[in-house]
Amino acid sequence: MDSVEAEAFAGRASAQALVTGPCERGGEGLHHACVWAVFKDGCFESGLGSFDPEDIVVASAPAHPAWEGRAIPAIAAMLGVRPAEAAAHVLDVEPETTVVLHGMCEEDVQTVLRHPTTMIGSDGIPTLDGKPHPRLYGTFARVLGRYGRELGVLSIAEAVHRMTGLPAETFGLDGRGVVRLGHFADLVLFDPATIVDRGSFEDPHVYPTGITAVFVNGVRVLAAGRPTGARPGRVLRRRGS
């Protein structure tokens, strides 16, 4: 499986999340006890699931860029220690480290996408440091290009609705999510024949292709694939709040 195919199967989280539960955070050396509390039979058994060490890849560690893009066993080899000790060391010296966790299944992704109540978005950590999850750049283009056009898991029109109208209706965002007279003009102009994500875990800082223009509240914020510098966004509050 190449990295492009694998993008949908991984998530990004704070490395702290791997040891949340057994211990509270804080204190030099405390993470060693936390890590050993969740490291069982060669795997990390945490509230996020069970992960082999090679499925945990450092995404961002600003003070230690040599770790970024490397899995726990590779970092362990660099440090000359065992994987659990490497994980504890990473958390001790740089507790704000974020990681990419490989632990999902393509069949599950497609099953969830097919369900009519599924909305499409991303909870990717919004940082450009290191090697973030490629969904930071390509979530919507991936759904439209791969799961819509290439695999036919859902139609392009249905995918757009799941990204726009359905979330706006679900969260009570009046005037948003549909193209209608009197509504806010939040618009994306894209080519359904070419739109696709291009980033990978090795090279995540890549914008998708096929997007021509983006308008936020009627103001053009992307032209010819480049940001215009305009920032017309505003805080959205749900109906009745």
Protein backbone atom coordinates (compact mmCIF):
# COMPACT_ATOMS: atom_id res chain seq x y z
CA MET A 1 0.00 0.00 0.00
CA ASP A 2 1.50 3.35 -0.97
CA SER A 3 1.24 6.49 1.12
CA VAL A 4 -1.45 8.11 -1.03
CA GLU A 5 -3.76 5.13 -0.62
CA ALA A 6 -3.05 5.02 3.10
CA GLU A 7 -4.02 8.63 3.86
CA ALA A 8 -7.61 7.82 4.73
CA PHE A 9 -6.53 5.13 7.17
CA ALA A 10 -4.66 7.34 9.62
CA GLY A 11 -5.42 9.99 12.17
CA ARG A 12 -3.39 12.69 13.88
CA ALA A 13 -3.35 13.35 17.60
CA SER A 14 -1.27 14.70 20.40
CA ALA A 15 1.23 12.11 21.58
CA GLN A 16 -0.18 12.78 25.05
CA ALA A 17 -3.38 11.03 23.97
CA LEU A 18 -1.54 7.71 23.85
CA VAL A 19 -1.01 7.75 27.61
CA THR A 20 -4.10 9.65 28.76
CA GLY A 21 -5.90 7.59 31.37
CA PRO A 22 -3.18 5.69 33.21
CA CYS A 23 -1.48 8.90 34.37
CA GLU A 24 -1.98 12.61 34.49
CA ARG A 25 0.51 14.63 32.44
CA GLY A 26 3.43 16.56 33.84
CA GLY A 27 6.69 16.00 35.65
CA GLU A 28 10.08 14.91 34.39
CA GLY A 29 10.19 11.15 33.94
CA LEU A 30 6.49 10.65 34.65
CA HIS A 31 5.80 9.57 31.09
CA HIS A 32 7.96 6.47 31.52
CA ALA A 33 5.41 5.10 33.98
CA CYS A 34 2.54 6.20 31.74
CA VAL A 35 4.00 4.55 28.65
CA TRP A 36 4.72 1.27 30.42
CA ALA A 37 1.12 1.32 31.72
CA VAL A 38 -0.21 1.16 28.15
CA PHE A 39 2.62 -0.76 26.41
CA LYS A 40 1.55 -4.41 26.42
CA ASP A 41 2.68 -7.36 24.31
CA GLY A 42 4.64 -5.07 22.01
CA CYS A 43 1.73 -2.71 21.32
CA PHE A 44 0.43 0.56 22.72
CA GLU A 45 -3.02 -0.16 24.16
CA SER A 46 -4.58 3.26 24.68
CA GLY A 47 -7.98 4.89 24.62
CA LEU A 48 -7.40 5.60 20.94
CA GLY A 49 -7.00 1.90 20.14
CA SER A 50 -4.18 -0.61 19.78
CA PHE A 51 -1.14 0.49 17.80
CA ASP A 52 2.06 -1.26 16.82
CA PRO A 53 5.08 1.01 17.38
CA GLU A 54 5.67 1.28 13.63
CA ASP A 55 2.13 2.65 13.23
CA ILE A 56 2.96 5.71 15.36
CA VAL A 57 4.80 8.37 13.36
CA VAL A 58 5.94 11.71 14.76
CA ALA A 59 4.32 14.55 12.82
CA SER A 60 5.59 17.59 14.67
CA ALA A 61 8.40 17.96 17.20
CA PRO A 62 9.73 21.49 16.66
CA ALA A 63 12.77 21.10 18.91
CA HIS A 64 13.67 17.74 17.36
CA PRO A 65 12.99 17.94 13.59
CA ALA A 66 15.03 14.77 13.00
CA TRP A 67 12.15 12.84 14.59
CA GLU A 68 9.51 14.21 12.25
CA GLY A 69 8.26 11.69 9.71
CA ARG A 70 9.83 8.80 11.63
CA ALA A 71 8.00 5.96 13.37
CA ILE A 72 8.71 5.04 17.00
CA PRO A 73 11.05 2.10 16.13
CA ALA A 74 13.18 4.40 13.95
CA ILE A 75 13.44 6.93 16.76
CA ALA A 76 14.26 4.11 19.16
CA ALA A 77 17.13 3.06 16.88
CA MET A 78 18.40 6.65 16.79
CA LEU A 79 18.36 6.79 20.60
CA GLY A 80 19.65 3.24 21.16
CA VAL A 81 16.67 2.24 23.31
CA ARG A 82 13.53 0.10 23.09
CA PRO A 83 10.37 1.49 21.43
CA ALA A 84 8.50 2.09 24.70
CA GLU A 85 11.50 3.92 26.12
CA ALA A 86 11.73 6.02 22.96
CA ALA A 87 8.05 6.98 23.27
CA ALA A 88 8.57 7.96 26.91
CA HIS A 89 11.64 10.00 26.01
CA VAL A 90 9.78 11.86 23.26
CA LEU A 91 7.00 12.76 25.68
CA ASP A 92 9.42 13.77 28.43
CA VAL A 93 11.55 16.12 26.35
CA GLU A 94 8.83 17.40 24.02
CA PRO A 95 5.37 16.73 25.49
CA GLU A 96 3.56 18.76 22.80
CA THR A 97 4.67 16.34 20.09
CA THR A 98 1.93 15.34 17.67
CA VAL A 99 1.77 11.99 15.92
CA VAL A 100 0.08 10.33 12.96
CA LEU A 101 -1.59 7.06 13.96
CA HIS A 102 -2.09 4.41 11.29
CA GLY A 103 -4.97 2.28 12.40
CA MET A 104 -8.02 2.43 10.12
CA CYS A 105 -9.41 0.21 7.40
CA GLU A 106 -10.36 1.25 3.84
CA GLU A 107 -13.52 -0.87 3.90
CA ASP A 108 -14.67 0.91 7.06
CA VAL A 109 -13.97 4.32 5.54
CA GLN A 110 -16.09 3.51 2.50
CA THR A 111 -18.91 2.03 4.61
CA VAL A 112 -19.09 5.17 6.74
CA LEU A 113 -19.00 7.43 3.68
CA ARG A 114 -21.94 5.59 2.14
CA HIS A 115 -24.21 6.22 5.13
CA PRO A 116 -26.62 9.08 4.38
CA THR A 117 -26.07 10.79 7.75
CA THR A 118 -22.29 11.01 7.38
CA MET A 119 -20.98 14.57 7.15
CA ILE A 120 -17.54 15.29 5.72
CA GLY A 121 -14.99 17.45 7.46
CA SER A 122 -11.62 17.27 9.14
CA ASP A 123 -10.51 17.51 12.75
CA GLY A 124 -6.90 17.76 11.63
CA ILE A 125 -4.69 19.74 13.99
CA PRO A 126 -4.28 23.10 12.21
CA THR A 127 -0.51 23.46 12.27
CA LEU A 128 1.93 23.64 9.40
CA ASP A 129 4.86 22.51 11.53
CA GLY A 130 6.76 19.35 10.63
CA LYS A 131 4.94 16.72 8.61
CA PRO A 132 1.24 17.10 9.44
CA HIS A 133 -1.42 14.66 8.28
CA PRO A 134 -2.00 15.37 4.55
CA ARG A 135 -5.72 15.83 5.27
CA LEU A 136 -4.80 19.33 6.44
CA TYR A 137 -4.53 20.21 2.74
CA GLY A 138 -6.57 17.56 0.94
CA THR A 139 -9.59 16.29 2.90
CA PHE A 140 -12.31 17.60 0.62
CA ALA A 141 -10.41 17.11 -2.62
CA ARG A 142 -9.76 13.50 -1.64
CA VAL A 143 -13.42 12.76 -1.04
CA LEU A 144 -14.48 14.44 -4.28
CA GLY A 145 -11.69 13.01 -6.43
CA ARG A 146 -11.03 9.56 -5.03
CA TYR A 147 -14.26 8.49 -3.33
CA GLY A 148 -16.57 10.42 -5.63
CA ARG A 149 -15.11 10.39 -9.13
CA GLU A 150 -12.72 7.42 -9.03
CA LEU A 151 -14.44 4.88 -6.74
CA GLY A 152 -18.08 6.00 -7.00
CA VAL A 153 -18.66 5.52 -3.27
CA LEU A 154 -20.96 8.55 -3.48
CA SER A 155 -21.79 11.01 -6.22
CA ILE A 156 -20.02 14.36 -6.53
CA ALA A 157 -23.31 16.14 -5.81
CA GLU A 158 -23.92 14.05 -2.68
CA ALA A 159 -20.35 14.61 -1.51
CA VAL A 160 -20.76 18.38 -1.87
CA HIS A 161 -24.02 18.24 0.11
CA ARG A 162 -22.31 16.27 2.89
CA MET A 163 -19.64 19.00 3.08
CA THR A 164 -21.97 22.00 2.97
CA GLY A 165 -25.77 21.81 3.21
CA LEU A 166 -25.98 18.86 5.58
CA PRO A 167 -23.56 20.28 8.19
CA ALA A 168 -25.18 23.73 7.95
CA GLU A 169 -28.61 22.19 8.55
CA THR A 170 -27.38 19.88 11.30
CA PHE A 171 -25.60 22.61 13.26
CA GLY A 172 -28.18 25.33 12.65
CA LEU A 173 -26.00 27.64 10.57
CA ASP A 174 -28.63 29.82 8.95
CA GLY A 175 -27.83 31.27 5.55
CA ARG A 176 -25.00 28.82 4.92
CA GLY A 177 -24.43 25.60 3.03
CA VAL A 178 -26.59 26.13 -0.07
CA VAL A 179 -26.50 28.43 -3.09
CA ARG A 180 -29.67 30.46 -2.66
CA LEU A 181 -30.75 34.08 -3.06
CA GLY A 182 -30.16 35.95 0.19
CA HIS A 183 -27.67 33.41 1.57
CA PHE A 184 -23.99 34.05 2.22
CA ALA A 185 -21.85 33.40 -0.85
CA ASP A 186 -19.44 30.74 0.43
CA LEU A 187 -18.45 29.15 -2.85
CA VAL A 188 -15.78 26.83 -4.26
CA LEU A 189 -15.30 26.61 -8.00
CA PHE A 190 -13.70 23.27 -8.90
CA ASP A 191 -13.39 20.92 -11.85
CA PRO A 192 -15.02 17.56 -11.00
CA ALA A 193 -12.93 15.87 -13.69
CA THR A 194 -9.58 16.85 -12.18
CA ILE A 195 -9.96 17.66 -8.49
CA VAL A 196 -7.83 15.41 -6.30
CA ASP A 197 -5.50 15.61 -3.32
CA ARG A 198 -1.76 15.35 -3.98
CA GLY A 199 -0.13 15.30 -0.55
CA SER A 200 1.44 12.27 1.07
CA PHE A 201 2.74 11.51 4.54
CA GLU A 202 6.27 12.06 3.27
CA ASP A 203 5.35 15.35 1.53
CA PRO A 204 2.11 16.66 3.08
CA HIS A 205 2.50 20.38 2.27
CA VAL A 206 0.92 20.10 -1.18
CA TYR A 207 -2.29 21.78 -2.29
CA PRO A 208 -4.87 19.78 -4.27
CA THR A 209 -5.44 20.27 -7.97
CA GLY A 210 -8.69 21.19 -9.68
CA ILE A 211 -9.76 24.12 -7.46
CA THR A 212 -10.05 27.38 -9.44
CA ALA A 213 -11.52 29.86 -6.98
CA VAL A 214 -12.86 30.16 -3.44
CA PHE A 215 -15.23 32.84 -2.15
CA VAL A 216 -15.98 33.48 1.55
CA ASN A 217 -18.93 35.76 2.30
CA GLY A 218 -18.84 36.86 -1.33
CA VAL A 219 -15.16 37.85 -1.27
CA ARG A 220 -12.64 35.99 -3.39
CA VAL A 221 -9.96 34.45 -1.18
CA LEU A 222 -8.37 32.10 -3.75
CA ALA A 223 -7.65 33.02 -7.35
CA ALA A 224 -5.73 30.91 -9.87
CA GLY A 225 -4.69 28.58 -7.09
CA ARG A 226 -3.22 31.31 -4.88
CA PRO A 227 -4.59 33.07 -1.78
CA THR A 228 -5.61 36.67 -2.44
CA GLY A 229 -4.83 37.83 1.08
CA ALA A 230 -8.46 38.72 1.81
CA ARG A 231 -9.79 37.44 5.16
CA PRO A 232 -13.56 38.01 5.20
CA GLY A 233 -14.38 35.06 7.46
CA ARG A 234 -16.41 35.47 10.62
CA VAL A 235 -17.38 33.43 13.66
CA LEU A 236 -20.46 31.30 12.96
CA ARG A 237 -23.03 30.78 15.68
CA ARG A 238 -25.72 28.15 15.57
CA ARG A 239 -29.38 29.02 15.41
CA GLY A 240 -30.68 30.30 18.75
CA SER A 241 -27.27 30.91 20.32
